[in-house]
Amino acid sequence: MARVDRSIFILFLSGVAATIIVFALSGSWEAAFACGIASLFGVALLFDAQERGAATALARRPEPTTRGPSLEEIDTVLQALPNPCFVVHRGRIERCNGPALALLGRHIAGQDVRLALRHPAAIDLLAGANVATAPARIEIAGLGTAEQSWELDVQPIQEGRLLVLLFDQSGRQATERMRVDFVANASHELRTPLAGILGFIETLRDPVAGADQATRERFLTIMDGEARRMQRLVDDLMSLSRIEAEKYRPPNQPVALPPLIEEVVAVFRQGQNKRGQDVVVEMEVDMPPVRGDRAQLSQLLHNLISNALKYGAPNTPVTVRAYKLNQGMAEVSVTDQGDGITPEHLPRLTERFYRVDSSRSRAMGGTGLGLAIVKHIVQRHGGILHLDSTVGVGTTVRVELPLFSAPAGEDGPAAS
């Protein structure tokens, strides 16, 4: 376009120059006027040609396409998605990805969607009278395992096709159930001793029953035990909360296990419980330090040894072992010789407030949070927790912890 505009300007200047030359040579105004008119006519013809060319080029320009993605492009996107998803067209599954085939079966490709999803609300959205014309979302069950729950997301795409995405909500719902169970269990654990204390207070206020000194002492002793039980529960809840708050800040200090184990064992041996004398320690010589938080590892050892003393048979040893493993790990284990635990209980032992024998645990002063605290401490330390038990023989709890290694070029702090 700029080139044509320059041609018009040059033609115009040439016409002006020609008019001047004609007038200079002929001295006739008539001849000069005719030459000027001819020059302007030429400029007009060139401008008209320019406009016609531009209009023709505009008319021949192809219109921008507005088509949607092809089925091959949609299939490429489906295969890249990690969640089960498929495309439904006229009630049939037209395209699907690998996770959808694994969840719903290899037979679903090209089949009626009602054979893949037997959920009435889902079928109504995909192939029923109320087929989705706008984005929709529902929750369904019955896919995969019995415990799984799914969120079905429907998105209309093109030519009556529907993109269906499935999101596994089992983890979120399990977390919600754990939260509800935790609140219910915590409330129950606090309500039971509190109800007992209130009942004893009411009895002590009675002029007759409360006047007996022996009764008062017996009730006060029970109230003291219940109050201390609630105190232990609150302390364990606070401890668990602090450990969870620090779970994403792994410890980085060297901790020498032998002196820490001897320190914890000495507390039990010097306590009022005679079972503390049954603790036996076996440790590897010159054991390297582990990477950890000394206070939390002390709590871990205290909880494990305390459980072993409670549930081990009287006058049987509780063995605490510590030794180095391969691949930069160390292991601490606590073994008792008690009744043992049946296999169905083992996976749930680290759940909060879970007890194999609730009445026995409460009678021994347990809060039901000991192994839950151990599990969270191990997770924060990047370790591994193992629970092994044989009925009639006893239980062994093993904890693998990473050894301490100072960053390159640094000696690191002394082990505590």
Protein backbone atom coordinates (compact mmCIF):
# COMPACT_ATOMS: atom_id res chain seq x y z
CA MET A 1 0.00 0.00 0.00
CA ALA A 2 2.85 2.42 0.80
CA ARG A 3 4.40 1.66 -2.59
CA VAL A 4 1.17 2.66 -4.43
CA ASP A 5 0.85 5.87 -2.40
CA ARG A 6 4.42 6.80 -3.42
CA SER A 7 3.56 6.18 -7.12
CA ILE A 8 0.58 8.56 -6.91
CA PHE A 9 2.76 11.25 -5.31
CA ILE A 10 5.46 10.87 -8.00
CA LEU A 11 2.82 11.04 -10.80
CA PHE A 12 1.36 14.18 -9.23
CA LEU A 13 4.77 15.90 -9.10
CA SER A 14 5.50 14.84 -12.68
CA GLY A 15 2.22 16.41 -13.84
CA VAL A 16 3.04 19.69 -12.06
CA ALA A 17 6.53 19.70 -13.60
CA ALA A 18 5.12 18.96 -17.09
CA THR A 19 2.59 21.81 -16.80
CA ILE A 20 5.33 24.27 -15.86
CA ILE A 21 7.57 23.11 -18.75
CA VAL A 22 4.73 23.41 -21.30
CA PHE A 23 3.94 26.94 -20.14
CA ALA A 24 7.63 27.90 -20.24
CA LEU A 25 8.13 26.62 -23.79
CA SER A 26 4.83 27.68 -25.33
CA GLY A 27 3.85 30.69 -23.23
CA SER A 28 0.24 29.51 -23.66
CA TRP A 29 -2.01 29.27 -20.64
CA GLU A 30 -4.41 27.10 -22.57
CA ALA A 31 -1.75 24.45 -23.31
CA ALA A 32 -0.52 24.52 -19.69
CA PHE A 33 -4.09 24.13 -18.39
CA ALA A 34 -4.73 21.15 -20.70
CA CYS A 35 -1.50 19.51 -19.54
CA GLY A 36 -2.47 20.00 -15.86
CA ILE A 37 -5.93 18.50 -16.43
CA ALA A 38 -4.35 15.48 -18.15
CA SER A 39 -1.98 14.99 -15.19
CA LEU A 40 -4.84 15.11 -12.63
CA PHE A 41 -6.81 12.62 -14.73
CA GLY A 42 -3.86 10.22 -14.62
CA VAL A 43 -3.60 10.56 -10.85
CA ALA A 44 -7.33 9.84 -10.52
CA LEU A 45 -7.04 6.69 -12.66
CA LEU A 46 -4.14 5.39 -10.56
CA PHE A 47 -6.00 6.06 -7.27
CA ASP A 48 -9.10 4.27 -8.62
CA ALA A 49 -6.99 1.23 -9.55
CA GLN A 50 -5.56 1.19 -6.04
CA GLU A 51 -9.01 1.18 -4.43
CA ARG A 52 -10.29 -1.59 -6.73
CA GLY A 53 -7.25 -3.77 -5.92
CA ALA A 54 -7.75 -3.34 -2.17
CA ALA A 55 -11.45 -4.24 -2.41
CA THR A 56 -10.66 -7.37 -4.44
CA ALA A 57 -8.00 -8.54 -1.95
CA LEU A 58 -10.42 -8.02 0.96
CA ALA A 59 -13.14 -9.98 -0.82
CA ARG A 60 -10.76 -12.90 -1.46
CA ARG A 61 -9.50 -13.06 2.16
CA PRO A 62 -10.68 -16.37 3.79
CA GLU A 63 -13.02 -16.01 6.74
CA PRO A 64 -11.55 -17.07 10.12
CA THR A 65 -12.54 -20.59 11.11
CA THR A 66 -14.74 -21.09 14.19
CA ARG A 67 -14.72 -24.90 14.35
CA GLY A 68 -14.00 -26.59 17.65
CA PRO A 69 -11.24 -29.12 18.32
CA SER A 70 -11.30 -32.35 16.35
CA LEU A 71 -12.00 -35.72 17.98
CA GLU A 72 -8.32 -36.60 17.59
CA GLU A 73 -7.34 -33.44 19.49
CA ILE A 74 -9.90 -34.24 22.21
CA ASP A 75 -8.55 -37.78 22.47
CA THR A 76 -5.00 -36.47 22.89
CA VAL A 77 -6.12 -34.28 25.79
CA LEU A 78 -8.07 -37.17 27.37
CA GLN A 79 -5.05 -39.47 27.32
CA ALA A 80 -2.94 -36.79 29.04
CA LEU A 81 -5.33 -36.44 31.99
CA PRO A 82 -4.54 -38.52 35.11
CA ASN A 83 -8.19 -38.81 36.21
CA PRO A 84 -10.77 -41.11 34.58
CA CYS A 85 -12.60 -39.19 31.84
CA PHE A 86 -14.57 -39.92 28.67
CA VAL A 87 -16.68 -38.24 25.97
CA VAL A 88 -20.38 -39.14 25.62
CA HIS A 89 -22.25 -38.54 22.33
CA ARG A 90 -25.91 -39.45 21.96
CA GLY A 91 -25.80 -41.69 25.01
CA ARG A 92 -22.70 -43.65 23.97
CA ILE A 93 -19.11 -43.42 25.18
CA GLU A 94 -17.26 -42.13 22.13
CA ARG A 95 -13.78 -41.61 23.59
CA CYS A 96 -12.16 -42.55 26.92
CA ASN A 97 -8.72 -42.55 28.50
CA GLY A 98 -6.71 -45.29 30.21
CA PRO A 99 -7.77 -44.52 33.82
CA ALA A 100 -11.45 -44.67 32.74
CA LEU A 101 -10.91 -48.09 31.16
CA ALA A 102 -9.13 -49.31 34.29
CA LEU A 103 -11.97 -48.09 36.53
CA LEU A 104 -15.04 -48.96 34.44
CA GLY A 105 -13.75 -51.85 32.32
CA ARG A 106 -12.32 -52.30 28.84
CA HIS A 107 -15.78 -53.00 27.43
CA ILE A 108 -17.09 -49.43 27.81
CA ALA A 109 -15.55 -47.96 24.62
CA GLY A 110 -18.36 -47.42 22.13
CA GLN A 111 -20.99 -48.81 24.51
CA ASP A 112 -24.11 -47.25 25.99
CA VAL A 113 -23.13 -45.07 28.95
CA ARG A 114 -25.79 -46.82 31.05
CA LEU A 115 -23.68 -49.98 30.97
CA ALA A 116 -20.72 -48.14 32.49
CA LEU A 117 -22.48 -45.96 35.07
CA ARG A 118 -25.41 -47.50 36.89
CA HIS A 119 -26.12 -44.39 38.92
CA PRO A 120 -29.58 -42.90 38.14
CA ALA A 121 -28.54 -39.26 38.57
CA ALA A 122 -25.48 -39.74 36.31
CA ILE A 123 -27.50 -41.53 33.62
CA ASP A 124 -30.11 -38.77 33.72
CA LEU A 125 -27.41 -36.16 33.01
CA LEU A 126 -25.70 -38.13 30.24
CA ALA A 127 -28.45 -40.02 28.43
CA GLY A 128 -31.78 -39.27 30.07
CA ALA A 129 -34.53 -36.74 29.53
CA ASN A 130 -32.58 -34.08 31.41
CA VAL A 131 -29.31 -34.45 29.49
CA ALA A 132 -26.86 -31.74 30.53
CA THR A 133 -26.72 -28.57 28.43
CA ALA A 134 -24.64 -26.67 31.00
CA PRO A 135 -21.82 -27.70 33.35
CA ALA A 136 -23.06 -30.00 36.12
CA ARG A 137 -21.53 -31.82 39.09
CA ILE A 138 -22.83 -34.68 41.25
CA GLU A 139 -21.42 -37.21 43.72
CA ILE A 140 -21.76 -40.92 43.01
CA ALA A 141 -20.68 -44.21 44.62
CA GLY A 142 -20.43 -47.78 43.43
CA LEU A 143 -17.34 -47.35 41.24
CA GLY A 144 -14.11 -49.13 42.09
CA THR A 145 -14.15 -50.43 45.66
CA ALA A 146 -17.10 -50.20 48.02
CA GLU A 147 -15.36 -47.51 50.10
CA GLN A 148 -14.69 -45.18 47.17
CA SER A 149 -16.75 -42.07 46.49
CA TRP A 150 -16.52 -40.06 43.27
CA GLU A 151 -17.39 -36.59 42.02
CA LEU A 152 -18.73 -36.65 38.45
CA ASP A 153 -18.16 -33.42 36.50
CA VAL A 154 -20.03 -32.95 33.18
CA GLN A 155 -18.95 -30.29 30.66
CA PRO A 156 -20.76 -29.80 27.29
CA ILE A 157 -18.16 -29.34 24.53
CA GLN A 158 -19.43 -29.43 20.91
CA GLU A 159 -22.12 -30.92 18.69
CA GLY A 160 -24.02 -32.39 21.61
CA ARG A 161 -20.96 -34.11 23.09
CA LEU A 162 -20.36 -34.20 26.84
CA LEU A 163 -16.97 -34.38 28.53
CA VAL A 164 -17.23 -36.44 31.75
CA LEU A 165 -14.50 -36.27 34.41
CA LEU A 166 -14.37 -38.40 37.58
CA PHE A 167 -12.54 -37.23 40.72
CA ASP A 168 -11.89 -39.63 43.60
CA GLN A 169 -13.21 -38.04 46.79
CA SER A 170 -12.49 -41.02 49.05
CA GLY A 171 -9.50 -39.34 50.73
CA ARG A 172 -11.43 -36.17 51.50
CA GLN A 173 -14.37 -38.10 52.91
CA ALA A 174 -12.07 -40.33 54.96
CA THR A 175 -10.46 -37.21 56.43
CA GLU A 176 -13.88 -35.82 57.28
CA ARG A 177 -14.88 -39.11 58.95
CA MET A 178 -11.64 -39.06 60.94
CA ARG A 179 -12.38 -35.51 62.08
CA VAL A 180 -15.91 -36.41 63.16
CA ASP A 181 -14.69 -39.56 64.92
CA PHE A 182 -11.92 -37.61 66.63
CA VAL A 183 -14.33 -35.01 68.02
CA ALA A 184 -16.77 -37.72 69.14
CA ASN A 185 -14.02 -39.82 70.79
CA ALA A 186 -12.39 -36.82 72.48
CA SER A 187 -15.76 -35.72 73.82
CA HIS A 188 -16.46 -39.22 75.12
CA GLU A 189 -13.03 -39.57 76.74
CA LEU A 190 -13.51 -36.28 78.59
CA ARG A 191 -17.20 -36.75 79.37
CA THR A 192 -16.75 -40.11 81.13
CA PRO A 193 -14.35 -39.01 83.90
CA LEU A 194 -16.09 -35.66 84.17
CA ALA A 195 -19.43 -37.36 84.81
CA GLY A 196 -17.79 -39.47 87.50
CA ILE A 197 -16.28 -36.44 89.21
CA LEU A 198 -19.60 -34.58 89.18
CA GLY A 199 -21.36 -37.62 90.64
CA PHE A 200 -18.83 -37.90 93.46
CA ILE A 201 -19.10 -34.19 94.22
CA GLU A 202 -22.87 -34.53 94.50
CA THR A 203 -22.43 -37.47 96.90
CA LEU A 204 -19.88 -35.61 99.03
CA ARG A 205 -22.31 -32.71 99.40
CA ASP A 206 -24.86 -35.04 100.96
CA PRO A 207 -24.93 -34.37 104.73
CA VAL A 208 -25.03 -38.07 105.56
CA ALA A 209 -22.84 -39.75 102.91
CA GLY A 210 -20.37 -36.89 102.85
CA ALA A 211 -19.86 -36.94 106.60
CA ASP A 212 -18.20 -40.36 106.60
CA GLN A 213 -14.42 -39.87 106.53
CA ALA A 214 -13.63 -43.23 104.89
CA THR A 215 -16.16 -42.54 102.11
CA ARG A 216 -14.76 -39.06 101.57
CA GLU A 217 -11.19 -40.38 101.23
CA ARG A 218 -12.24 -43.14 98.84
CA PHE A 219 -14.24 -40.73 96.66
CA LEU A 220 -11.48 -38.11 96.70
CA THR A 221 -8.95 -40.73 95.60
CA ILE A 222 -11.18 -41.72 92.66
CA MET A 223 -11.78 -38.07 91.75
CA ASP A 224 -8.04 -37.42 91.82
CA GLY A 225 -7.47 -40.35 89.45
CA GLU A 226 -10.18 -39.18 87.04
CA ALA A 227 -8.87 -35.61 87.07
CA ARG A 228 -5.34 -36.82 86.34
CA ARG A 229 -6.71 -38.99 83.54
CA MET A 230 -8.29 -35.91 81.95
CA GLN A 231 -5.04 -34.02 82.44
CA ARG A 232 -3.10 -36.77 80.63
CA LEU A 233 -5.63 -36.72 77.81
CA VAL A 234 -5.37 -32.94 77.41
CA ASP A 235 -1.56 -33.13 77.55
CA ASP A 236 -1.53 -35.83 74.84
CA LEU A 237 -3.93 -33.83 72.66
CA MET A 238 -1.74 -30.74 72.97
CA SER A 239 1.37 -32.79 72.25
CA LEU A 240 -0.23 -34.33 69.17
CA SER A 241 -1.29 -30.88 67.97
CA ARG A 242 2.26 -29.52 68.32
CA ILE A 243 3.76 -32.48 66.48
CA GLU A 244 1.27 -32.12 63.59
CA ALA A 245 1.99 -28.38 63.39
CA GLU A 246 5.68 -29.18 62.83
CA LYS A 247 5.20 -32.12 60.46
CA TYR A 248 6.46 -30.14 57.44
CA ARG A 249 9.59 -28.91 59.27
CA PRO A 250 11.84 -31.96 59.48
CA PRO A 251 14.39 -31.93 62.32
CA ASN A 252 18.04 -31.47 61.42
CA GLN A 253 19.95 -31.96 64.67
CA PRO A 254 22.16 -34.96 65.52
CA VAL A 255 20.78 -37.05 68.39
CA ALA A 256 22.82 -39.78 70.07
CA LEU A 257 20.44 -42.65 70.80
CA PRO A 258 22.38 -44.58 73.51
CA PRO A 259 22.41 -41.80 76.14
CA LEU A 260 18.83 -40.83 75.27
CA ILE A 261 17.64 -44.42 75.74
CA GLU A 262 19.52 -44.75 79.04
CA GLU A 263 17.96 -41.48 80.21
CA VAL A 264 14.39 -42.60 79.42
CA VAL A 265 14.90 -46.07 80.89
CA ALA A 266 16.30 -44.53 84.09
CA VAL A 267 13.01 -42.63 84.54
CA PHE A 268 11.06 -45.90 84.53
CA ARG A 269 13.54 -47.70 86.80
CA GLN A 270 13.39 -44.88 89.35
CA GLY A 271 9.60 -44.62 89.24
CA GLN A 272 7.07 -46.11 91.62
CA ASN A 273 6.07 -48.87 89.20
CA LYS A 274 8.18 -51.94 90.00
CA ARG A 275 7.81 -53.06 86.38
CA GLY A 276 10.42 -50.43 85.51
CA GLN A 277 13.09 -52.83 86.75
CA ASP A 278 12.12 -55.27 83.97
CA VAL A 279 13.41 -53.00 81.19
CA VAL A 280 16.46 -54.50 79.43
CA VAL A 281 18.63 -52.45 77.05
CA GLU A 282 20.68 -53.85 74.17
CA MET A 283 22.57 -51.31 72.06
CA GLU A 284 25.26 -51.39 69.40
CA VAL A 285 28.66 -50.02 70.38
CA ASP A 286 29.71 -46.71 68.74
CA MET A 287 26.31 -46.18 67.19
CA PRO A 288 26.22 -43.03 64.97
CA PRO A 289 23.72 -40.26 65.79
CA VAL A 290 20.35 -40.00 64.05
CA ARG A 291 18.79 -36.87 62.60
CA GLY A 292 16.02 -35.81 64.92
CA ASP A 293 14.34 -33.75 67.58
CA ARG A 294 15.62 -34.97 70.95
CA ALA A 295 12.48 -34.04 72.92
CA GLN A 296 10.18 -35.82 70.46
CA LEU A 297 12.38 -38.92 70.29
CA SER A 298 12.35 -39.00 74.09
CA GLN A 299 8.53 -38.90 74.00
CA LEU A 300 8.49 -41.67 71.38
CA LEU A 301 10.65 -43.93 73.58
CA HIS A 302 8.58 -43.11 76.67
CA ASN A 303 5.31 -44.03 74.91
CA LEU A 304 6.67 -47.31 73.50
CA ILE A 305 8.27 -48.48 76.76
CA SER A 306 5.19 -47.44 78.76
CA ASN A 307 2.90 -49.49 76.48
CA ALA A 308 5.21 -52.51 76.68
CA LEU A 309 5.25 -52.37 80.49
CA LYS A 310 1.45 -52.07 80.63
CA TYR A 311 0.61 -54.91 78.26
CA GLY A 312 3.57 -57.25 78.86
CA ALA A 313 3.08 -60.13 81.26
CA PRO A 314 4.19 -59.46 84.87
CA ASN A 315 7.82 -60.30 85.68
CA THR A 316 8.75 -60.61 82.00
CA PRO A 317 11.43 -58.44 80.39
CA VAL A 318 10.74 -55.47 78.14
CA THR A 319 13.67 -55.29 75.73
CA VAL A 320 14.82 -52.03 74.14
CA ARG A 321 17.24 -52.46 71.25
CA ALA A 322 19.09 -49.92 69.10
CA TYR A 323 21.44 -50.66 66.22
CA LYS A 324 22.56 -49.37 62.84
CA LEU A 325 20.98 -50.60 59.61
CA ASN A 326 22.24 -50.39 56.07
CA GLN A 327 21.43 -47.49 53.71
CA GLY A 328 21.89 -44.75 56.30
CA MET A 329 19.23 -45.83 58.79
CA ALA A 330 19.15 -46.85 62.45
CA GLU A 331 16.50 -48.94 64.19
CA VAL A 332 15.03 -48.75 67.68
CA SER A 333 12.75 -51.55 68.82
CA VAL A 334 10.75 -52.28 71.99
CA THR A 335 9.61 -55.85 72.62
CA ASP A 336 7.25 -57.16 75.31
CA GLN A 337 6.15 -60.68 76.24
CA GLY A 338 2.42 -60.23 76.59
CA ASP A 339 -0.82 -61.56 75.12
CA GLY A 340 -0.04 -60.24 71.66
CA ILE A 341 -2.45 -58.60 69.21
CA THR A 342 -4.54 -60.32 66.56
CA PRO A 343 -3.73 -59.35 62.94
CA GLU A 344 -7.02 -57.52 62.27
CA HIS A 345 -6.20 -54.92 64.92
CA LEU A 346 -2.64 -54.11 63.79
CA PRO A 347 -3.50 -51.71 60.90
CA ARG A 348 -5.62 -49.55 63.22
CA LEU A 349 -3.37 -49.37 66.27
CA THR A 350 -2.02 -45.93 65.32
CA GLU A 351 -5.49 -44.39 64.96
CA ARG A 352 -6.43 -41.87 67.61
CA PHE A 353 -8.37 -43.39 70.52
CA TYR A 354 -8.30 -46.86 68.98
CA ARG A 355 -7.98 -49.58 71.63
CA VAL A 356 -7.94 -53.36 71.32
CA ASP A 357 -9.42 -53.64 74.84
CA SER A 358 -11.01 -50.33 75.87
CA SER A 359 -11.77 -51.24 79.49
CA ARG A 360 -8.27 -52.62 80.12
CA SER A 361 -6.62 -49.60 78.52
CA ARG A 362 -8.61 -47.12 80.61
CA ALA A 363 -7.99 -49.10 83.77
CA MET A 364 -4.25 -48.80 83.11
CA GLY A 365 -4.49 -45.06 82.58
CA GLY A 366 -4.12 -45.07 78.80
CA THR A 367 -5.50 -42.22 76.68
CA GLY A 368 -5.60 -44.05 73.35
CA LEU A 369 -3.22 -41.51 71.81
CA GLY A 370 0.18 -43.03 72.57
CA LEU A 371 0.79 -44.83 69.27
CA ALA A 372 -0.85 -42.00 67.30
CA ILE A 373 1.78 -39.65 68.75
CA VAL A 374 4.51 -42.19 67.91
CA LYS A 375 3.28 -42.42 64.30
CA HIS A 376 3.34 -38.63 63.81
CA ILE A 377 6.80 -38.31 65.36
CA VAL A 378 8.12 -41.01 63.03
CA GLN A 379 6.53 -39.31 60.02
CA ARG A 380 8.08 -35.97 60.92
CA HIS A 381 11.50 -37.62 61.21
CA GLY A 382 11.16 -39.29 57.82
CA GLY A 383 11.26 -42.72 59.45
CA ILE A 384 9.29 -45.97 59.15
CA LEU A 385 7.10 -47.57 61.83
CA HIS A 386 6.66 -51.37 62.00
CA LEU A 387 4.22 -53.24 64.27
CA ASP A 388 4.80 -56.99 64.68
CA SER A 389 2.78 -59.13 67.06
CA THR A 390 2.12 -62.82 67.71
CA VAL A 391 -0.81 -63.89 69.86
CA GLY A 392 0.43 -65.54 73.04
CA VAL A 393 4.03 -64.45 72.44
CA GLY A 394 4.17 -60.66 72.51
CA THR A 395 4.54 -57.48 70.47
CA THR A 396 7.51 -55.69 68.92
CA VAL A 397 7.39 -52.08 67.73
CA ARG A 398 10.27 -51.14 65.41
CA VAL A 399 11.14 -47.60 64.36
CA GLU A 400 13.62 -46.86 61.56
CA LEU A 401 15.23 -43.41 61.69
CA PRO A 402 17.64 -41.74 59.23
CA LEU A 403 21.20 -41.25 60.42
CA PHE A 404 22.51 -37.70 60.73
CA SER A 405 24.73 -36.45 57.91
CA ALA A 406 26.17 -32.93 57.95
CA PRO A 407 26.00 -30.86 54.73
CA ALA A 408 29.09 -31.04 52.54
CA GLY A 409 31.91 -28.91 53.90
CA GLU A 410 30.39 -28.66 57.40
CA ASP A 411 31.20 -30.62 60.54
CA GLY A 412 27.71 -30.15 62.01
CA PRO A 413 26.77 -29.63 65.67
CA ALA A 414 27.68 -32.13 68.36
CA ALA A 415 25.16 -34.90 69.00
CA SER A 416 22.86 -34.20 71.93
